C-alpha atoms as a PDB file:
ATOM      1  CA  UNK A   1     -18.048  -3.715  14.825  1.00  0.00           C
ATOM      2  CA  UNK A   2     -14.337  -3.124  15.744  1.00  0.00           C
ATOM      3  CA  UNK A   3     -12.012  -1.478  13.561  1.00  0.00           C
ATOM      4  CA  UNK A   4      -9.391  -4.122  13.872  1.00  0.00           C
ATOM      5  CA  UNK A   5     -11.852  -6.694  12.986  1.00  0.00           C
ATOM      6  CA  UNK A   6     -12.904  -4.560  10.058  1.00  0.00           C
ATOM      7  CA  UNK A   7      -9.450  -4.322   8.644  1.00  0.00           C
ATOM      8  CA  UNK A   8      -8.968  -7.801   8.684  1.00  0.00           C
ATOM      9  CA  UNK A   9     -11.892  -8.816   6.973  1.00  0.00           C
ATOM     10  CA  UNK A  10     -11.720  -5.742   4.397  1.00  0.00           C
ATOM     11  CA  UNK A  11      -7.851  -6.480   3.679  1.00  0.00           C
ATOM     12  CA  UNK A  12      -8.249 -10.596   3.623  1.00  0.00           C
ATOM     13  CA  UNK A  13      -7.879 -12.089   0.117  1.00  0.00           C
ATOM     14  CA  UNK A  14      -8.564 -15.675  -0.429  1.00  0.00           C
ATOM     15  CA  UNK A  15      -5.374 -17.536   0.486  1.00  0.00           C
ATOM     16  CA  UNK A  16      -3.885 -14.888   2.976  1.00  0.00           C
ATOM     17  CA  UNK A  17      -2.226 -16.196   5.941  1.00  0.00           C
ATOM     18  CA  UNK A  18      -2.615 -14.560   9.434  1.00  0.00           C
ATOM     19  CA  UNK A  19       0.931 -13.184   9.061  1.00  0.00           C
ATOM     20  CA  UNK A  20       0.251 -11.676   5.700  1.00  0.00           C
ATOM     21  CA  UNK A  21      -2.844  -9.953   6.853  1.00  0.00           C
ATOM     22  CA  UNK A  22      -0.962  -8.872  10.002  1.00  0.00           C
ATOM     23  CA  UNK A  23       1.548  -7.160   7.915  1.00  0.00           C
ATOM     24  CA  UNK A  24      -0.972  -5.652   5.394  1.00  0.00           C
ATOM     25  CA  UNK A  25      -2.745  -3.716   8.337  1.00  0.00           C
ATOM     26  CA  UNK A  26       0.422  -2.962  10.509  1.00  0.00           C
ATOM     27  CA  UNK A  27      -0.994  -4.942  13.539  1.00  0.00           C
ATOM     28  CA  UNK A  28       0.742  -7.410  15.684  1.00  0.00           C
ATOM     29  CA  UNK A  29       0.457 -11.046  14.792  1.00  0.00           C
ATOM     30  CA  UNK A  30      -0.879 -12.271  18.400  1.00  0.00           C
ATOM     31  CA  UNK A  31      -3.662  -9.561  18.097  1.00  0.00           C
ATOM     32  CA  UNK A  32      -4.909 -10.418  14.698  1.00  0.00           C
ATOM     33  CA  UNK A  33      -4.715 -14.153  15.610  1.00  0.00           C
ATOM     34  CA  UNK A  34      -6.970 -13.532  18.541  1.00  0.00           C
ATOM     35  CA  UNK A  35      -9.468 -11.605  16.129  1.00  0.00           C
ATOM     36  CA  UNK A  36      -9.465 -14.073  13.528  1.00  0.00           C
ATOM     37  CA  UNK A  37     -10.607 -16.500  16.233  1.00  0.00           C
ATOM     38  CA  UNK A  38     -13.398 -14.301  16.982  1.00  0.00           C
ATOM     39  CA  UNK A  39     -14.285 -13.638  13.520  1.00  0.00           C
ATOM     40  CA  UNK A  40     -14.214 -17.395  12.644  1.00  0.00           C
ATOM     41  CA  UNK A  41     -16.607 -17.946  15.677  1.00  0.00           C
ATOM     42  CA  UNK A  42     -18.856 -15.512  14.293  1.00  0.00           C
ATOM     43  CA  UNK A  43     -18.833 -17.149  11.067  1.00  0.00           C
ATOM     44  CA  UNK A  44     -17.754 -13.786   9.225  1.00  0.00           C
ATOM     45  CA  UNK A  45     -14.428 -15.687   7.975  1.00  0.00           C
ATOM     46  CA  UNK A  46     -13.097 -19.113   7.903  1.00  0.00           C
ATOM     47  CA  UNK A  47      -9.645 -20.046   8.555  1.00  0.00           C
ATOM     48  CA  UNK A  48      -8.662 -23.093   6.426  1.00  0.00           C
ATOM     49  CA  UNK A  49      -5.587 -24.885   5.328  1.00  0.00           C
ATOM     50  CA  UNK A  50      -5.614 -22.619   2.348  1.00  0.00           C
ATOM     51  CA  UNK A  51      -5.737 -19.467   4.383  1.00  0.00           C
ATOM     52  CA  UNK A  52      -8.316 -16.996   5.392  1.00  0.00           C
ATOM     53  CA  UNK A  53     -11.547 -16.635   3.490  1.00  0.00           C
ATOM     54  CA  UNK A  54     -14.180 -14.134   3.999  1.00  0.00           C
ATOM     55  CA  UNK A  55     -17.705 -15.804   4.404  1.00  0.00           C
ATOM     56  CA  UNK A  56     -20.278 -13.198   5.205  1.00  0.00           C
ATOM     57  CA  UNK A  57     -19.994 -10.523   2.373  1.00  0.00           C
ATOM     58  CA  UNK A  58     -22.929  -8.590   4.074  1.00  0.00           C
ATOM     59  CA  UNK A  59     -20.714  -8.116   7.023  1.00  0.00           C
ATOM     60  CA  UNK A  60     -17.719  -7.223   5.039  1.00  0.00           C
ATOM     61  CA  UNK A  61     -20.052  -4.602   3.331  1.00  0.00           C
ATOM     62  CA  UNK A  62     -21.065  -2.977   6.697  1.00  0.00           C
ATOM     63  CA  UNK A  63     -17.482  -2.902   7.894  1.00  0.00           C
ATOM     64  CA  UNK A  64     -16.605  -0.976   4.832  1.00  0.00           C
ATOM     65  CA  UNK A  65     -19.084   1.567   5.349  1.00  0.00           C
ATOM     66  CA  UNK A  66     -18.089   1.888   8.911  1.00  0.00           C
ATOM     67  CA  UNK A  67     -14.308   2.401   7.768  1.00  0.00           C
ATOM     68  CA  UNK A  68     -15.429   4.681   5.245  1.00  0.00           C
ATOM     69  CA  UNK A  69     -17.266   6.995   7.683  1.00  0.00           C
ATOM     70  CA  UNK A  70     -14.298   6.719  10.140  1.00  0.00           C
ATOM     71  CA  UNK A  71     -11.786   7.996   7.464  1.00  0.00           C
ATOM     72  CA  UNK A  72     -14.143  10.502   6.001  1.00  0.00           C
ATOM     73  CA  UNK A  73     -14.387  12.072   9.393  1.00  0.00           C
ATOM     74  CA  UNK A  74     -11.069  11.805  10.537  1.00  0.00           C
ATOM     75  CA  UNK A  75      -7.442  12.819   8.725  1.00  0.00           C
ATOM     76  CA  UNK A  76      -6.036   9.558   7.217  1.00  0.00           C
ATOM     77  CA  UNK A  77      -2.629   8.730   8.819  1.00  0.00           C
ATOM     78  CA  UNK A  78       0.488   7.924   7.194  1.00  0.00           C
ATOM     79  CA  UNK A  79       0.297   4.381   8.508  1.00  0.00           C
ATOM     80  CA  UNK A  80      -3.289   3.883   7.359  1.00  0.00           C
ATOM     81  CA  UNK A  81      -2.519   5.236   3.964  1.00  0.00           C
ATOM     82  CA  UNK A  82      -0.934   1.961   3.325  1.00  0.00           C
ATOM     83  CA  UNK A  83      -3.874  -0.103   4.641  1.00  0.00           C
ATOM     84  CA  UNK A  84      -6.670   1.536   2.809  1.00  0.00           C
ATOM     85  CA  UNK A  85      -5.713   0.086  -0.794  1.00  0.00           C
ATOM     86  CA  UNK A  86      -6.107  -3.433   0.547  1.00  0.00           C
ATOM     87  CA  UNK A  87      -9.565  -2.861   1.244  1.00  0.00           C
ATOM     88  CA  UNK A  88     -10.264  -2.585  -2.689  1.00  0.00           C
ATOM     89  CA  UNK A  89     -10.171  -6.082  -3.161  1.00  0.00           C
ATOM     90  CA  UNK A  90      -8.260  -5.025  -6.436  1.00  0.00           C
ATOM     91  CA  UNK A  91      -4.777  -5.910  -7.614  1.00  0.00           C
ATOM     92  CA  UNK A  92      -2.065  -2.998  -7.208  1.00  0.00           C
ATOM     93  CA  UNK A  93       1.327  -2.328  -6.492  1.00  0.00           C
ATOM     94  CA  UNK A  94       3.461   0.684  -5.155  1.00  0.00           C
ATOM     95  CA  UNK A  95       5.598   2.409  -7.402  1.00  0.00           C
ATOM     96  CA  UNK A  96       7.638   5.728  -7.745  1.00  0.00           C
ATOM     97  CA  UNK A  97       8.526   7.283  -4.258  1.00  0.00           C
ATOM     98  CA  UNK A  98       6.628   4.397  -2.868  1.00  0.00           C
ATOM     99  CA  UNK A  99       8.588   1.656  -4.534  1.00  0.00           C
ATOM    100  CA  UNK A 100      11.715   3.051  -2.796  1.00  0.00           C
ATOM    101  CA  UNK A 101       9.713   3.430   0.456  1.00  0.00           C
ATOM    102  CA  UNK A 102       8.626  -0.108   0.683  1.00  0.00           C
ATOM    103  CA  UNK A 103      11.718  -1.419  -0.478  1.00  0.00           C
ATOM    104  CA  UNK A 104      13.878   0.227   2.032  1.00  0.00           C
ATOM    105  CA  UNK A 105      11.236  -0.826   4.714  1.00  0.00           C
ATOM    106  CA  UNK A 106      10.089   2.866   5.133  1.00  0.00           C
ATOM    107  CA  UNK A 107      13.923   4.126   5.605  1.00  0.00           C
ATOM    108  CA  UNK A 108      13.786   6.450   2.676  1.00  0.00           C
ATOM    109  CA  UNK A 109      11.358   9.328   2.340  1.00  0.00           C
ATOM    110  CA  UNK A 110      11.735  12.075  -0.415  1.00  0.00           C
ATOM    111  CA  UNK A 111       9.608  14.955  -1.588  1.00  0.00           C
ATOM    112  CA  UNK A 112       6.569  14.171   0.778  1.00  0.00           C
ATOM    113  CA  UNK A 113       5.715  16.124   3.916  1.00  0.00           C
ATOM    114  CA  UNK A 114       2.950  15.851   6.875  1.00  0.00           C
ATOM    115  CA  UNK A 115       0.604  18.287   4.822  1.00  0.00           C
ATOM    116  CA  UNK A 116       1.182  16.631   1.299  1.00  0.00           C
ATOM    117  CA  UNK A 117       1.496  12.915   1.354  1.00  0.00           C
ATOM    118  CA  UNK A 118       0.741  11.319  -2.111  1.00  0.00           C
ATOM    119  CA  UNK A 119       0.833   7.554  -2.293  1.00  0.00           C
ATOM    120  CA  UNK A 120       1.721   6.185  -5.653  1.00  0.00           C
ATOM    121  CA  UNK A 121       0.241   2.966  -6.853  1.00  0.00           C
ATOM    122  CA  UNK A 122       0.093   1.042 -10.174  1.00  0.00           C
ATOM    123  CA  UNK A 123      -3.302  -0.261 -10.906  1.00  0.00           C
ATOM    124  CA  UNK A 124      -4.930  -2.217 -13.828  1.00  0.00           C
ATOM    125  CA  UNK A 125      -6.418   0.135 -16.625  1.00  0.00           C
ATOM    126  CA  UNK A 126      -9.583  -1.713 -16.687  1.00  0.00           C
ATOM    127  CA  UNK A 127     -10.085  -0.805 -12.774  1.00  0.00           C
ATOM    128  CA  UNK A 128      -9.371   2.689 -12.904  1.00  0.00           C
ATOM    129  CA  UNK A 129     -12.859   4.148 -12.570  1.00  0.00           C
ATOM    130  CA  UNK A 130     -13.479   1.532  -9.627  1.00  0.00           C
ATOM    131  CA  UNK A 131     -10.408   2.808  -7.879  1.00  0.00           C
ATOM    132  CA  UNK A 132     -11.522   6.490  -8.105  1.00  0.00           C
ATOM    133  CA  UNK A 133     -14.997   5.275  -6.736  1.00  0.00           C
ATOM    134  CA  UNK A 134     -13.338   3.342  -4.006  1.00  0.00           C
ATOM    135  CA  UNK A 135     -11.345   6.147  -2.781  1.00  0.00           C
ATOM    136  CA  UNK A 136     -14.088   8.601  -2.993  1.00  0.00           C
ATOM    137  CA  UNK A 137     -16.053   6.456  -0.245  1.00  0.00           C
ATOM    138  CA  UNK A 138     -13.386   6.890   1.950  1.00  0.00           C
ATOM    139  CA  UNK A 139     -13.075  10.486   1.466  1.00  0.00           C
ATOM    140  CA  UNK A 140      -9.790  10.549  -0.155  1.00  0.00           C
ATOM    141  CA  UNK A 141      -8.746  12.231  -3.510  1.00  0.00           C
ATOM    142  CA  UNK A 142      -7.113  10.627  -6.628  1.00  0.00           C
ATOM    143  CA  UNK A 143      -5.320  11.650  -9.514  1.00  0.00           C
ATOM    144  CA  UNK A 144      -4.133   9.821 -12.460  1.00  0.00           C
ATOM    145  CA  UNK A 145      -0.575   9.714 -14.029  1.00  0.00           C
ATOM    146  CA  UNK A 146       0.585  12.776 -12.342  1.00  0.00           C
ATOM    147  CA  UNK A 147       1.164  14.272  -9.113  1.00  0.00           C
ATOM    148  CA  UNK A 148      -1.229  17.259  -8.379  1.00  0.00           C
ATOM    149  CA  UNK A 149      -0.269  20.470  -6.703  1.00  0.00           C
ATOM    150  CA  UNK A 150      -0.809  20.250  -3.058  1.00  0.00           C
ATOM    151  CA  UNK A 151      -3.387  23.282  -2.991  1.00  0.00           C
ATOM    152  CA  UNK A 152      -5.648  20.979  -5.584  1.00  0.00           C
ATOM    153  CA  UNK A 153      -6.300  18.314  -2.920  1.00  0.00           C
ATOM    154  CA  UNK A 154      -8.346  18.549  -0.031  1.00  0.00           C
ATOM    155  CA  UNK A 155      -6.456  16.609   2.548  1.00  0.00           C
ATOM    156  CA  UNK A 156      -2.954  15.445   3.207  1.00  0.00           C
ATOM    157  CA  UNK A 157      -3.067  11.959   1.879  1.00  0.00           C
ATOM    158  CA  UNK A 158      -3.930  11.281  -1.730  1.00  0.00           C
ATOM    159  CA  UNK A 159      -3.404   8.590  -4.435  1.00  0.00           C
ATOM    160  CA  UNK A 160      -1.772   9.016  -7.587  1.00  0.00           C
ATOM    161  CA  UNK A 161      -2.856   6.218  -9.850  1.00  0.00           C
ATOM    162  CA  UNK A 162      -0.705   4.703 -12.797  1.00  0.00           C
ATOM    163  CA  UNK A 163      -3.052   2.659 -14.857  1.00  0.00           C
ATOM    164  CA  UNK A 164      -1.178  -0.367 -16.422  1.00  0.00           C
ATOM    165  CA  UNK A 165      -2.648  -2.010 -19.549  1.00  0.00           C
ATOM    166  CA  UNK A 166      -0.237  -4.838 -19.818  1.00  0.00           C
ATOM    167  CA  UNK A 167      -0.629  -6.302 -16.335  1.00  0.00           C
ATOM    168  CA  UNK A 168       1.119  -5.525 -13.181  1.00  0.00           C
ATOM    169  CA  UNK A 169       4.465  -7.412 -11.862  1.00  0.00           C
ATOM    170  CA  UNK A 170       4.192  -7.582  -8.009  1.00  0.00           C
ATOM    171  CA  UNK A 171       6.603  -8.600  -5.340  1.00  0.00           C
ATOM    172  CA  UNK A 172       5.486  -8.515  -1.667  1.00  0.00           C
ATOM    173  CA  UNK A 173       7.620  -6.619   1.081  1.00  0.00           C
ATOM    174  CA  UNK A 174       6.511  -6.309   4.695  1.00  0.00           C
ATOM    175  CA  UNK A 175       2.992  -7.171   3.788  1.00  0.00           C
ATOM    176  CA  UNK A 176       2.925  -4.526   0.836  1.00  0.00           C
ATOM    177  CA  UNK A 177       2.797  -5.295  -2.995  1.00  0.00           C
ATOM    178  CA  UNK A 178       5.144  -3.417  -4.776  1.00  0.00           C
ATOM    179  CA  UNK A 179       6.746  -3.275  -8.257  1.00  0.00           C
ATOM    180  CA  UNK A 180       9.718  -5.499  -8.551  1.00  0.00           C
ATOM    181  CA  UNK A 181      13.491  -4.580  -7.308  1.00  0.00           C
ATOM    182  CA  UNK A 182      14.880  -4.048 -10.785  1.00  0.00           C
ATOM    183  CA  UNK A 183      11.972  -1.790 -11.914  1.00  0.00           C
ATOM    184  CA  UNK A 184      12.295   0.201  -8.789  1.00  0.00           C
ATOM    185  CA  UNK A 185      16.166   0.741  -9.221  1.00  0.00           C
ATOM    186  CA  UNK A 186      15.375   1.664 -12.869  1.00  0.00           C
ATOM    187  CA  UNK A 187      12.920   4.371 -11.819  1.00  0.00           C
ATOM    188  CA  UNK A 188      15.219   5.716  -8.936  1.00  0.00           C
ATOM    189  CA  UNK A 189      18.208   5.941 -11.620  1.00  0.00           C
ATOM    190  CA  UNK A 190      16.087   8.676 -13.586  1.00  0.00           C
ATOM    191  CA  UNK A 191      16.593  10.923 -10.889  1.00  0.00           C
ATOM    192  CA  UNK A 192      19.550   9.241  -9.264  1.00  0.00           C
ATOM    193  CA  UNK A 193      20.887  12.172  -7.215  1.00  0.00           C
ATOM    194  CA  UNK A 194      17.635  12.399  -5.287  1.00  0.00           C
ATOM    195  CA  UNK A 195      17.513   8.743  -4.459  1.00  0.00           C
ATOM    196  CA  UNK A 196      21.311   8.211  -4.009  1.00  0.00           C
ATOM    197  CA  UNK A 197      20.851   7.214  -0.070  1.00  0.00           C
ATOM    198  CA  UNK A 198      17.961   4.680  -1.217  1.00  0.00           C
ATOM    199  CA  UNK A 199      20.249   3.101  -3.873  1.00  0.00           C
ATOM    200  CA  UNK A 200      23.040   2.726  -1.212  1.00  0.00           C
ATOM    201  CA  UNK A 201      20.380   0.948   1.178  1.00  0.00           C
ATOM    202  CA  UNK A 202      19.197  -1.277  -1.439  1.00  0.00           C
ATOM    203  CA  UNK A 203      22.796  -2.306  -2.754  1.00  0.00           C
ATOM    204  CA  UNK A 204      23.635  -3.036   0.867  1.00  0.00           C
ATOM    205  CA  UNK A 205      20.618  -5.100   1.898  1.00  0.00           C
ATOM    206  CA  UNK A 206      19.860  -6.910  -1.479  1.00  0.00           C
ATOM    207  CA  UNK A 207      23.256  -7.365  -2.730  1.00  0.00           C
ATOM    208  CA  UNK A 208      22.361  -5.499  -5.810  1.00  0.00           C
ATOM    209  CA  UNK A 209      25.295  -4.617  -8.237  1.00  0.00           C
ATOM    210  CA  UNK A 210      24.442  -0.665  -7.983  1.00  0.00           C
ATOM    211  CA  UNK A 211      27.229   1.715  -8.056  1.00  0.00           C
ATOM    212  CA  UNK A 212      25.256   3.838  -5.559  1.00  0.00           C
ATOM    213  CA  UNK A 213      27.938   6.444  -5.036  1.00  0.00           C
ATOM    214  CA  UNK A 214      29.066   9.750  -6.676  1.00  0.00           C
ATOM    215  CA  UNK A 215      32.732   9.650  -5.357  1.00  0.00           C
ATOM    216  CA  UNK A 216      34.144   8.505  -8.500  1.00  0.00           C
ATOM    217  CA  UNK A 217      32.343  10.957 -10.534  1.00  0.00           C
ATOM    218  CA  UNK A 218      33.475  13.562  -8.222  1.00  0.00           C
ATOM    219  CA  UNK A 219      36.972  12.325  -8.142  1.00  0.00           C
ATOM    220  CA  UNK A 220      36.983  12.438 -11.913  1.00  0.00           C
END
């Protein structure tokens, strides 16, 4: 019963590679590789040509109970805020502030602090009740569709869910599922002045045709 082993088993989805799992849980490839070997020997998971698969679902349940106890007892770190959603076994994508955060590889933050750290994710509308129940097991507050006032949540890390009835478009960046880059840029353009540095970063890295500077506007 080890936290790293628990994170591997809980985050693993059928077909995941060791590299994908190491990115999901923010742990080095070599350390995850070592634990995968141990978990395979214990017949808790299998490592096949088609990727990692969970074999022992009773152990998976016990790992979830263990991690739920740990996270309920201790404050959730910013790093683990991006690990916990992978444990749910449901499809999701980071959006809003977190879309910019993921696409810039953590290089851009806005309107969050150590004491108030909402995480924004798109989920399927059909799964909304399951997501709320899931986060409750980890002692983390959730709201739907709108960021709450910090005084109305019990802990610094909390989740804001955006239900989607028509499906979720997902791209993977550094082990994180996120809405596509063009959708991210569209969201950022709605409050462009706040996201200007991030737009410049995206334009430089991804060769996106974005006029991410106010210089011409100021000159005019």
